[in-house]
Amino acid sequence: MLLLALLLLSPNVSELVQPLAGDSIDLRAVCMRESRCKLIGVHSIDSRYSERVYRKAVAAGYLDPRCQQLSDGNWSTRGQHGMMAAYTLHHSGLKCLPPWVLDVPLFSAVLASLRASGKQCSRVKACRRWRG
């Protein structure tokens, strides 16, 4: 149990997940740029965008408003890898994830890997800039 907790919260988890990402992203570099690889939740500088990105993500079908509600938390930039929760959680393939899962370094690294390697990231200028 302790090992699982350490793995989930380890600030250096990006190095463990890097093989999943391959050449699509340098997870450690993104982690350093976005959070200095420190435990972080909501990025306060972007928190004002939460409602706007939530509504756009619902309209695009990325979020399910029946189980992922605006009141569930801040849907803007979160976690070590600096991803907007509203636009990232659908990359997991799981439905109804809450935004705070990006605050867990292991999940942040895995979702960053999935997001960066997806075809959609190549087509979106902000995503290309984020992945470096």
N, C-alpha and C. Protein backbone atom coordinates (compact mmCIF):
# COMPACT_ATOMS: atom_id res chain seq x y z
N MET A 1 0.82 -1.18 0.00
CA MET A 1 0.00 0.00 0.00
C MET A 1 0.87 1.26 0.00
N LEU A 2 1.91 1.25 0.82
CA LEU A 2 2.83 2.38 0.88
C LEU A 2 3.53 2.57 -0.46
N LEU A 3 3.93 1.46 -1.09
CA LEU A 3 4.59 1.54 -2.40
C LEU A 3 3.67 2.17 -3.44
N LEU A 4 2.41 1.78 -3.43
CA LEU A 4 1.44 2.34 -4.36
C LEU A 4 1.28 3.85 -4.12
N ALA A 5 1.18 4.25 -2.87
CA ALA A 5 1.05 5.67 -2.55
C ALA A 5 2.28 6.45 -3.01
N LEU A 6 3.46 5.89 -2.80
CA LEU A 6 4.69 6.56 -3.24
C LEU A 6 4.74 6.69 -4.76
N LEU A 7 4.32 5.64 -5.46
CA LEU A 7 4.32 5.68 -6.92
C LEU A 7 3.33 6.71 -7.44
N LEU A 8 2.15 6.77 -6.84
CA LEU A 8 1.13 7.72 -7.29
C LEU A 8 1.55 9.16 -7.06
N LEU A 9 2.30 9.41 -5.99
CA LEU A 9 2.63 10.78 -5.62
C LEU A 9 4.06 11.19 -5.92
N SER A 10 4.85 10.30 -6.46
CA SER A 10 6.25 10.61 -6.73
C SER A 10 6.39 11.72 -7.76
N PRO A 11 7.12 12.78 -7.42
CA PRO A 11 7.32 13.85 -8.40
C PRO A 11 8.16 13.43 -9.60
N ASN A 12 8.86 12.32 -9.50
CA ASN A 12 9.73 11.86 -10.59
C ASN A 12 9.08 10.78 -11.44
N VAL A 13 7.77 10.66 -11.36
CA VAL A 13 7.08 9.61 -12.08
C VAL A 13 7.17 9.78 -13.60
N SER A 14 7.45 11.01 -14.07
CA SER A 14 7.58 11.25 -15.51
C SER A 14 8.62 10.34 -16.14
N GLU A 15 9.70 10.09 -15.42
CA GLU A 15 10.76 9.23 -15.95
C GLU A 15 10.29 7.78 -16.09
N LEU A 16 9.41 7.35 -15.19
CA LEU A 16 8.89 5.98 -15.25
C LEU A 16 7.93 5.80 -16.42
N VAL A 17 7.19 6.84 -16.74
CA VAL A 17 6.16 6.76 -17.78
C VAL A 17 6.72 7.09 -19.16
N GLN A 18 7.89 7.70 -19.25
CA GLN A 18 8.45 8.14 -20.52
C GLN A 18 8.44 7.07 -21.61
N PRO A 19 8.73 5.79 -21.31
CA PRO A 19 8.68 4.79 -22.38
C PRO A 19 7.32 4.70 -23.07
N LEU A 20 6.23 4.99 -22.36
CA LEU A 20 4.90 5.00 -22.99
C LEU A 20 4.80 6.10 -24.04
N ALA A 21 5.43 7.22 -23.77
CA ALA A 21 5.33 8.39 -24.64
C ALA A 21 6.20 8.28 -25.87
N GLY A 22 7.26 7.50 -25.78
CA GLY A 22 8.18 7.40 -26.91
C GLY A 22 8.78 8.75 -27.24
N ASP A 23 8.83 9.08 -28.52
CA ASP A 23 9.41 10.35 -28.97
C ASP A 23 8.38 11.47 -29.07
N SER A 24 7.11 11.18 -28.75
CA SER A 24 6.07 12.19 -28.95
C SER A 24 6.19 13.36 -27.98
N ILE A 25 6.83 13.15 -26.83
CA ILE A 25 6.94 14.20 -25.82
C ILE A 25 8.05 13.86 -24.84
N ASP A 26 8.72 14.85 -24.33
CA ASP A 26 9.69 14.67 -23.25
C ASP A 26 8.94 15.03 -21.97
N LEU A 27 8.40 14.02 -21.29
CA LEU A 27 7.56 14.25 -20.12
C LEU A 27 8.29 15.01 -19.02
N ARG A 28 9.56 14.72 -18.83
CA ARG A 28 10.32 15.40 -17.78
C ARG A 28 10.46 16.90 -18.10
N ALA A 29 10.71 17.23 -19.36
CA ALA A 29 10.84 18.64 -19.75
C ALA A 29 9.52 19.39 -19.56
N VAL A 30 8.41 18.76 -19.94
CA VAL A 30 7.10 19.40 -19.76
C VAL A 30 6.82 19.57 -18.28
N CYS A 31 7.11 18.56 -17.50
CA CYS A 31 6.92 18.62 -16.05
C CYS A 31 7.72 19.77 -15.43
N MET A 32 8.97 19.90 -15.82
CA MET A 32 9.82 20.97 -15.29
C MET A 32 9.28 22.34 -15.70
N ARG A 33 8.87 22.47 -16.95
CA ARG A 33 8.37 23.75 -17.45
C ARG A 33 7.05 24.15 -16.79
N GLU A 34 6.16 23.19 -16.63
CA GLU A 34 4.81 23.49 -16.14
C GLU A 34 4.72 23.62 -14.62
N SER A 35 5.55 22.87 -13.86
CA SER A 35 5.39 22.86 -12.40
C SER A 35 6.68 22.70 -11.62
N ARG A 36 7.81 22.69 -12.33
CA ARG A 36 9.09 22.35 -11.70
C ARG A 36 9.02 20.97 -11.04
N CYS A 37 8.12 20.15 -11.54
CA CYS A 37 7.88 18.78 -11.07
C CYS A 37 7.52 18.72 -9.58
N LYS A 38 6.83 19.74 -9.14
CA LYS A 38 6.31 19.78 -7.77
C LYS A 38 4.85 19.35 -7.79
N LEU A 39 4.39 18.84 -6.66
CA LEU A 39 2.97 18.50 -6.55
C LEU A 39 2.17 19.79 -6.68
N ILE A 40 1.22 19.78 -7.59
CA ILE A 40 0.41 20.98 -7.83
C ILE A 40 -0.97 20.55 -8.29
N GLY A 41 -1.95 21.33 -7.90
CA GLY A 41 -3.31 21.10 -8.35
C GLY A 41 -3.63 22.07 -9.46
N VAL A 42 -4.59 22.95 -9.20
CA VAL A 42 -5.01 23.94 -10.18
C VAL A 42 -3.90 24.98 -10.36
N HIS A 43 -3.62 25.34 -11.60
CA HIS A 43 -2.68 26.41 -11.91
C HIS A 43 -3.47 27.70 -11.82
N SER A 44 -3.22 28.47 -10.79
CA SER A 44 -4.06 29.64 -10.49
C SER A 44 -4.11 30.64 -11.65
N ILE A 45 -3.06 30.74 -12.42
CA ILE A 45 -3.03 31.71 -13.52
C ILE A 45 -4.11 31.42 -14.57
N ASP A 46 -4.50 30.15 -14.72
CA ASP A 46 -5.50 29.77 -15.72
C ASP A 46 -6.87 29.48 -15.12
N SER A 47 -7.02 29.55 -13.82
CA SER A 47 -8.27 29.11 -13.18
C SER A 47 -9.49 29.90 -13.66
N ARG A 48 -9.29 31.11 -14.13
CA ARG A 48 -10.42 31.92 -14.59
C ARG A 48 -11.07 31.34 -15.86
N TYR A 49 -10.40 30.42 -16.53
CA TYR A 49 -10.93 29.83 -17.76
C TYR A 49 -11.77 28.57 -17.52
N SER A 50 -11.91 28.16 -16.29
CA SER A 50 -12.56 26.89 -15.98
C SER A 50 -13.95 26.75 -16.61
N GLU A 51 -14.81 27.72 -16.41
CA GLU A 51 -16.17 27.62 -16.93
C GLU A 51 -16.19 27.61 -18.45
N ARG A 52 -15.38 28.45 -19.06
CA ARG A 52 -15.34 28.52 -20.53
C ARG A 52 -14.87 27.21 -21.15
N VAL A 53 -13.77 26.65 -20.64
CA VAL A 53 -13.26 25.41 -21.23
C VAL A 53 -14.19 24.25 -20.93
N TYR A 54 -14.83 24.28 -19.77
CA TYR A 54 -15.80 23.23 -19.45
C TYR A 54 -16.92 23.22 -20.49
N ARG A 55 -17.49 24.38 -20.75
CA ARG A 55 -18.61 24.45 -21.71
C ARG A 55 -18.19 24.03 -23.12
N LYS A 56 -17.00 24.44 -23.53
CA LYS A 56 -16.50 24.02 -24.85
C LYS A 56 -16.26 22.51 -24.90
N ALA A 57 -15.73 21.94 -23.84
CA ALA A 57 -15.46 20.50 -23.81
C ALA A 57 -16.75 19.69 -23.81
N VAL A 58 -17.77 20.17 -23.13
CA VAL A 58 -19.08 19.50 -23.16
C VAL A 58 -19.64 19.55 -24.58
N ALA A 59 -19.57 20.72 -25.21
CA ALA A 59 -20.07 20.88 -26.58
C ALA A 59 -19.33 19.97 -27.56
N ALA A 60 -18.03 19.75 -27.33
CA ALA A 60 -17.23 18.90 -28.21
C ALA A 60 -17.39 17.41 -27.89
N GLY A 61 -18.08 17.09 -26.80
CA GLY A 61 -18.28 15.70 -26.43
C GLY A 61 -17.15 15.10 -25.60
N TYR A 62 -16.25 15.94 -25.10
CA TYR A 62 -15.13 15.45 -24.29
C TYR A 62 -15.54 15.15 -22.85
N LEU A 63 -16.56 15.86 -22.37
CA LEU A 63 -17.05 15.67 -21.01
C LEU A 63 -18.52 15.31 -21.05
N ASP A 64 -18.96 14.56 -20.07
CA ASP A 64 -20.36 14.16 -19.93
C ASP A 64 -20.96 14.96 -18.77
N PRO A 65 -21.82 15.94 -19.07
CA PRO A 65 -22.35 16.79 -18.00
C PRO A 65 -23.23 16.05 -17.00
N ARG A 66 -23.64 14.81 -17.33
CA ARG A 66 -24.43 14.03 -16.37
C ARG A 66 -23.58 13.56 -15.20
N CYS A 67 -22.29 13.34 -15.44
CA CYS A 67 -21.42 12.85 -14.36
C CYS A 67 -20.19 13.72 -14.14
N GLN A 68 -19.95 14.66 -15.02
CA GLN A 68 -18.83 15.59 -14.89
C GLN A 68 -19.42 17.00 -14.94
N GLN A 69 -19.68 17.54 -13.79
CA GLN A 69 -20.37 18.82 -13.72
C GLN A 69 -19.39 19.95 -13.46
N LEU A 70 -19.78 21.14 -13.87
CA LEU A 70 -18.94 22.32 -13.66
C LEU A 70 -18.60 22.48 -12.18
N SER A 71 -19.53 22.16 -11.32
CA SER A 71 -19.31 22.32 -9.88
C SER A 71 -18.37 21.27 -9.29
N ASP A 72 -17.95 20.29 -10.09
CA ASP A 72 -17.05 19.23 -9.59
C ASP A 72 -15.65 19.75 -9.31
N GLY A 73 -15.29 20.89 -9.83
CA GLY A 73 -13.95 21.41 -9.60
C GLY A 73 -13.50 22.29 -10.74
N ASN A 74 -12.26 22.64 -10.70
CA ASN A 74 -11.71 23.52 -11.71
C ASN A 74 -11.28 22.71 -12.92
N TRP A 75 -11.82 23.03 -14.08
CA TRP A 75 -11.59 22.28 -15.30
C TRP A 75 -10.47 22.89 -16.15
N SER A 76 -9.78 23.90 -15.64
CA SER A 76 -8.70 24.52 -16.40
C SER A 76 -7.40 23.76 -16.16
N THR A 77 -6.28 24.43 -16.27
CA THR A 77 -4.95 23.82 -16.19
C THR A 77 -4.68 23.28 -14.79
N ARG A 78 -4.19 22.03 -14.74
CA ARG A 78 -3.94 21.35 -13.47
C ARG A 78 -2.74 20.43 -13.60
N GLY A 79 -2.20 20.06 -12.46
CA GLY A 79 -1.22 18.99 -12.36
C GLY A 79 0.18 19.33 -12.84
N GLN A 80 1.07 18.38 -12.64
CA GLN A 80 2.48 18.57 -12.96
C GLN A 80 2.75 18.86 -14.42
N HIS A 81 1.93 18.35 -15.31
CA HIS A 81 2.19 18.49 -16.74
C HIS A 81 1.36 19.60 -17.38
N GLY A 82 0.65 20.37 -16.57
CA GLY A 82 -0.03 21.57 -17.04
C GLY A 82 -1.03 21.35 -18.16
N MET A 83 -1.99 20.46 -17.92
CA MET A 83 -2.99 20.18 -18.94
C MET A 83 -4.36 20.66 -18.49
N MET A 84 -5.14 21.16 -19.43
CA MET A 84 -6.51 21.56 -19.10
C MET A 84 -7.34 20.30 -18.93
N ALA A 85 -7.90 20.15 -17.75
CA ALA A 85 -8.68 18.94 -17.43
C ALA A 85 -9.81 18.73 -18.43
N ALA A 86 -10.49 19.80 -18.79
CA ALA A 86 -11.64 19.68 -19.70
C ALA A 86 -11.26 19.08 -21.05
N TYR A 87 -10.05 19.33 -21.51
CA TYR A 87 -9.62 18.86 -22.82
C TYR A 87 -8.73 17.63 -22.77
N THR A 88 -8.47 17.11 -21.58
CA THR A 88 -7.49 16.02 -21.44
C THR A 88 -8.08 14.70 -20.99
N LEU A 89 -9.06 14.73 -20.10
CA LEU A 89 -9.53 13.50 -19.46
C LEU A 89 -10.08 12.47 -20.45
N HIS A 90 -10.63 12.92 -21.55
CA HIS A 90 -11.19 11.97 -22.52
C HIS A 90 -10.10 11.09 -23.16
N HIS A 91 -8.85 11.52 -23.10
CA HIS A 91 -7.77 10.72 -23.67
C HIS A 91 -7.56 9.41 -22.91
N SER A 92 -8.08 9.33 -21.70
CA SER A 92 -7.94 8.12 -20.89
C SER A 92 -8.81 6.99 -21.42
N GLY A 93 -9.86 7.33 -22.15
CA GLY A 93 -10.81 6.32 -22.60
C GLY A 93 -11.81 5.95 -21.52
N LEU A 94 -11.67 6.53 -20.34
CA LEU A 94 -12.58 6.28 -19.22
C LEU A 94 -13.60 7.40 -19.13
N LYS A 95 -14.81 7.06 -18.78
CA LYS A 95 -15.87 8.06 -18.66
C LYS A 95 -15.93 8.59 -17.23
N CYS A 96 -16.32 9.82 -17.11
CA CYS A 96 -16.69 10.44 -15.84
C CYS A 96 -15.54 10.66 -14.86
N LEU A 97 -14.32 10.79 -15.33
CA LEU A 97 -13.22 11.10 -14.42
C LEU A 97 -13.37 12.53 -13.90
N PRO A 98 -13.09 12.75 -12.62
CA PRO A 98 -13.12 14.11 -12.09
C PRO A 98 -11.83 14.86 -12.46
N PRO A 99 -11.87 16.18 -12.45
CA PRO A 99 -10.68 16.94 -12.86
C PRO A 99 -9.47 16.74 -11.97
N TRP A 100 -9.67 16.42 -10.70
CA TRP A 100 -8.54 16.30 -9.77
C TRP A 100 -7.62 15.12 -10.07
N VAL A 101 -8.02 14.18 -10.94
CA VAL A 101 -7.12 13.07 -11.24
C VAL A 101 -5.81 13.57 -11.86
N LEU A 102 -5.85 14.73 -12.51
CA LEU A 102 -4.62 15.29 -13.08
C LEU A 102 -3.66 15.80 -12.02
N ASP A 103 -4.12 15.92 -10.78
CA ASP A 103 -3.27 16.36 -9.68
C ASP A 103 -2.40 15.22 -9.16
N VAL A 104 -2.70 13.99 -9.56
CA VAL A 104 -1.93 12.81 -9.17
C VAL A 104 -0.84 12.61 -10.22
N PRO A 105 0.44 12.73 -9.84
CA PRO A 105 1.53 12.70 -10.83
C PRO A 105 1.50 11.51 -11.78
N LEU A 106 1.19 10.32 -11.30
CA LEU A 106 1.16 9.16 -12.19
C LEU A 106 0.11 9.33 -13.28
N PHE A 107 -1.09 9.75 -12.90
CA PHE A 107 -2.15 9.94 -13.88
C PHE A 107 -1.83 11.10 -14.81
N SER A 108 -1.24 12.15 -14.27
CA SER A 108 -0.84 13.29 -15.09
C SER A 108 0.15 12.86 -16.17
N ALA A 109 1.14 12.08 -15.79
CA ALA A 109 2.16 11.62 -16.74
C ALA A 109 1.56 10.71 -17.80
N VAL A 110 0.71 9.78 -17.38
CA VAL A 110 0.10 8.85 -18.34
C VAL A 110 -0.80 9.62 -19.31
N LEU A 111 -1.62 10.52 -18.79
CA LEU A 111 -2.51 11.28 -19.67
C LEU A 111 -1.73 12.24 -20.57
N ALA A 112 -0.64 12.79 -20.08
CA ALA A 112 0.21 13.63 -20.94
C ALA A 112 0.77 12.81 -22.09
N SER A 113 1.18 11.60 -21.79
CA SER A 113 1.70 10.71 -22.83
C SER A 113 0.63 10.40 -23.87
N LEU A 114 -0.57 10.05 -23.40
CA LEU A 114 -1.67 9.73 -24.32
C LEU A 114 -2.08 10.95 -25.15
N ARG A 115 -2.14 12.09 -24.50
CA ARG A 115 -2.53 13.32 -25.21
C ARG A 115 -1.50 13.68 -26.28
N ALA A 116 -0.23 13.63 -25.93
CA ALA A 116 0.83 14.04 -26.86
C ALA A 116 0.95 13.11 -28.05
N SER A 117 0.66 11.84 -27.85
CA SER A 117 0.82 10.87 -28.94
C SER A 117 -0.42 10.77 -29.82
N GLY A 118 -1.50 11.42 -29.43
CA GLY A 118 -2.72 11.37 -30.23
C GLY A 118 -2.63 12.22 -31.48
N LYS A 119 -3.38 11.85 -32.49
CA LYS A 119 -3.38 12.59 -33.76
C LYS A 119 -3.90 14.01 -33.58
N GLN A 120 -4.83 14.20 -32.67
CA GLN A 120 -5.43 15.52 -32.47
C GLN A 120 -4.39 16.54 -32.02
N CYS A 121 -3.42 16.13 -31.21
CA CYS A 121 -2.42 17.07 -30.70
C CYS A 121 -1.59 17.65 -31.85
N SER A 122 -1.35 16.87 -32.86
CA SER A 122 -0.58 17.35 -34.01
C SER A 122 -1.32 18.43 -34.78
N ARG A 123 -2.64 18.42 -34.70
CA ARG A 123 -3.46 19.38 -35.45
C ARG A 123 -3.78 20.67 -34.68
N VAL A 124 -3.52 20.66 -33.37
CA VAL A 124 -3.88 21.81 -32.54
C VAL A 124 -2.61 22.55 -32.12
N LYS A 125 -2.52 23.81 -32.52
CA LYS A 125 -1.32 24.60 -32.28
C LYS A 125 -0.95 24.67 -30.79
N ALA A 126 -1.93 24.88 -29.92
CA ALA A 126 -1.65 24.98 -28.48
C ALA A 126 -1.09 23.67 -27.94
N CYS A 127 -1.57 22.55 -28.45
CA CYS A 127 -1.06 21.25 -27.99
C CYS A 127 0.36 21.01 -28.48
N ARG A 128 0.61 21.36 -29.73
CA ARG A 128 1.99 21.22 -30.25
C ARG A 128 2.97 22.07 -29.44
N ARG A 129 2.56 23.27 -29.10
CA ARG A 129 3.40 24.17 -28.30
C ARG A 129 3.62 23.59 -26.90
N TRP A 130 2.56 23.04 -26.30
CA TRP A 130 2.65 22.45 -24.95
C TRP A 130 3.62 21.28 -24.92
N ARG A 131 3.55 20.40 -25.92
CA ARG A 131 4.39 19.20 -25.85
C ARG A 131 5.85 19.48 -26.19
N GLY A 132 6.12 20.66 -26.76
CA GLY A 132 7.51 21.08 -27.00
C GLY A 132 8.07 20.69 -28.32
